[in-house]
Structures are given as C-alpha cells and as structure tokens.
Protein backbone atom coordinates (compact mmCIF):
# COMPACT_ATOMS: atom_id res chain seq x y z
CA MET A 1 108.72 127.99 97.99
CA LYS A 2 110.95 125.57 96.09
CA LYS A 3 109.63 122.34 94.66
CA GLN A 4 111.58 119.27 95.69
CA LYS A 5 113.08 117.40 92.77
CA VAL A 6 113.16 113.65 93.02
CA ARG A 7 115.09 111.64 90.48
CA PHE A 8 114.41 108.00 89.82
CA HIS A 9 117.07 105.83 88.31
CA ARG A 10 116.70 102.67 86.26
CA ASN A 11 117.31 100.05 89.02
CA ASP A 12 115.64 101.89 91.91
CA LYS A 13 113.30 99.77 94.01
CA ARG A 14 110.24 101.11 95.72
CA PRO A 15 109.68 100.19 99.36
CA GLY A 16 107.60 97.07 99.84
CA GLY A 17 104.09 97.19 101.17
CA LEU A 18 103.59 96.34 104.82
CA ASN A 19 100.08 95.05 104.27
CA GLN A 20 101.17 91.82 102.58
CA ASN A 21 100.46 88.62 104.46
CA LEU A 22 103.57 86.71 105.36
CA ILE A 23 103.44 82.95 104.90
CA TYR A 24 106.02 80.59 106.35
CA GLU A 25 106.67 77.19 104.80
CA LYS A 26 109.08 74.32 105.27
CA LYS A 27 111.15 72.88 102.46
CA MET A 28 113.42 69.86 102.21
CA VAL A 29 116.86 70.48 100.69
CA LYS A 30 119.71 68.06 99.98
CA ARG A 31 123.14 69.51 100.67
CA ARG A 32 126.32 67.47 100.32
CA GLY A 33 124.41 64.20 100.53
CA HIS A 34 122.47 65.13 103.66
CA ILE A 35 118.84 66.14 104.01
CA HIS A 36 118.15 69.47 105.70
CA TRP A 37 114.87 71.26 106.37
CA GLN A 38 114.48 74.99 105.83
CA ALA A 39 111.89 77.46 107.11
CA ILE A 40 111.23 79.98 104.34
CA GLU A 41 109.36 83.26 104.59
CA GLN A 42 107.16 84.13 101.61
CA PRO A 43 106.85 86.46 99.66
CA THR A 44 110.38 87.66 100.61
CA GLY A 45 111.90 84.21 100.08
CA THR A 46 114.40 84.49 102.93
CA VAL A 47 115.59 81.37 104.72
CA ILE A 48 114.85 81.87 108.39
CA ARG A 49 116.35 78.72 109.79
CA GLN A 50 117.86 75.45 108.60
CA SER A 51 117.88 72.28 110.66
CA PHE A 52 118.52 68.57 110.37
CA PHE A 53 115.27 67.79 112.20
CA GLU A 54 111.89 68.31 110.54
CA GLU A 55 110.11 68.68 113.89
CA ASP A 56 112.10 71.81 114.81
CA ILE A 57 111.23 73.50 111.54
CA GLU A 58 107.57 72.42 111.73
CA GLN A 59 107.27 73.94 115.20
CA LEU A 60 108.81 77.24 114.05
CA VAL A 61 106.64 77.43 110.91
CA SER A 62 103.40 76.69 112.76
CA PHE A 63 104.18 79.29 115.45
CA GLN A 64 105.03 82.01 112.91
CA ASN A 65 101.96 81.25 110.77
CA LYS A 66 99.72 81.42 113.84
CA HIS A 67 101.06 84.56 115.54
CA ARG A 68 102.72 86.46 112.65
CA VAL A 69 105.19 88.21 114.96
CA TRP A 70 107.12 90.07 112.23
CA GLN A 71 104.09 91.10 110.12
CA LEU A 72 104.26 94.81 111.02
CA ASN A 73 107.99 95.00 110.20
CA GLY A 74 107.55 93.53 106.72
CA GLY A 75 109.37 90.30 107.62
CA ILE A 76 112.15 89.04 109.80
CA PRO A 77 115.30 91.23 109.65
CA LEU A 78 118.12 89.71 107.63
CA PHE A 79 120.61 89.72 110.50
CA LEU A 80 118.37 87.24 112.36
CA CYS A 81 118.14 84.83 109.39
CA ASP A 82 120.53 82.08 108.31
CA ASN A 83 122.94 83.10 105.57
CA ILE A 84 123.00 79.99 103.41
CA LYS A 85 125.01 79.88 100.22
C-alpha cells in the first residue's frame, strides 16, 4: 500500500472552520459625497448588501443575526454578495 504524499506550499490556506459564529453588522460608508449603509458579515468581512436606506440594512442584519441561515455553509456565497470596489 502506497502512502499518499501531500505537499504544502508557502501561501496555501487551510479550509475555514464551519463552527464559527457568523455575526452581521451594519456600517455607514461615504462614497462620492453620498452616505450608504452596508451589511457586513463577520468574520469573513464580505459586504452582503449596500443600500441608501438604513432601515433596509437594519432589517436584513436583524433577520440574519436571528436565524443564521448561512451558518452551516460557512457564510453567504460570494456570487450572492455585492461586489463593491
């Protein structure tokens, strides 16, 4: 029986743990002279949604903190998040 050889390289990342608690928070950001609100997932730091209205973001954050829908997946998939640069 052959032993499997696994090589690790310098910048390899290990898969994240699924048992971390996800926390969602809202943050105010000024962009081009306008105020926007962002819903941010911690500890991944991804921006889930950005809106002009604080009430929309507050509703999303409170729902996600209460139900934790994406907890088992390790966070919301990136293709569902806003790509803000």
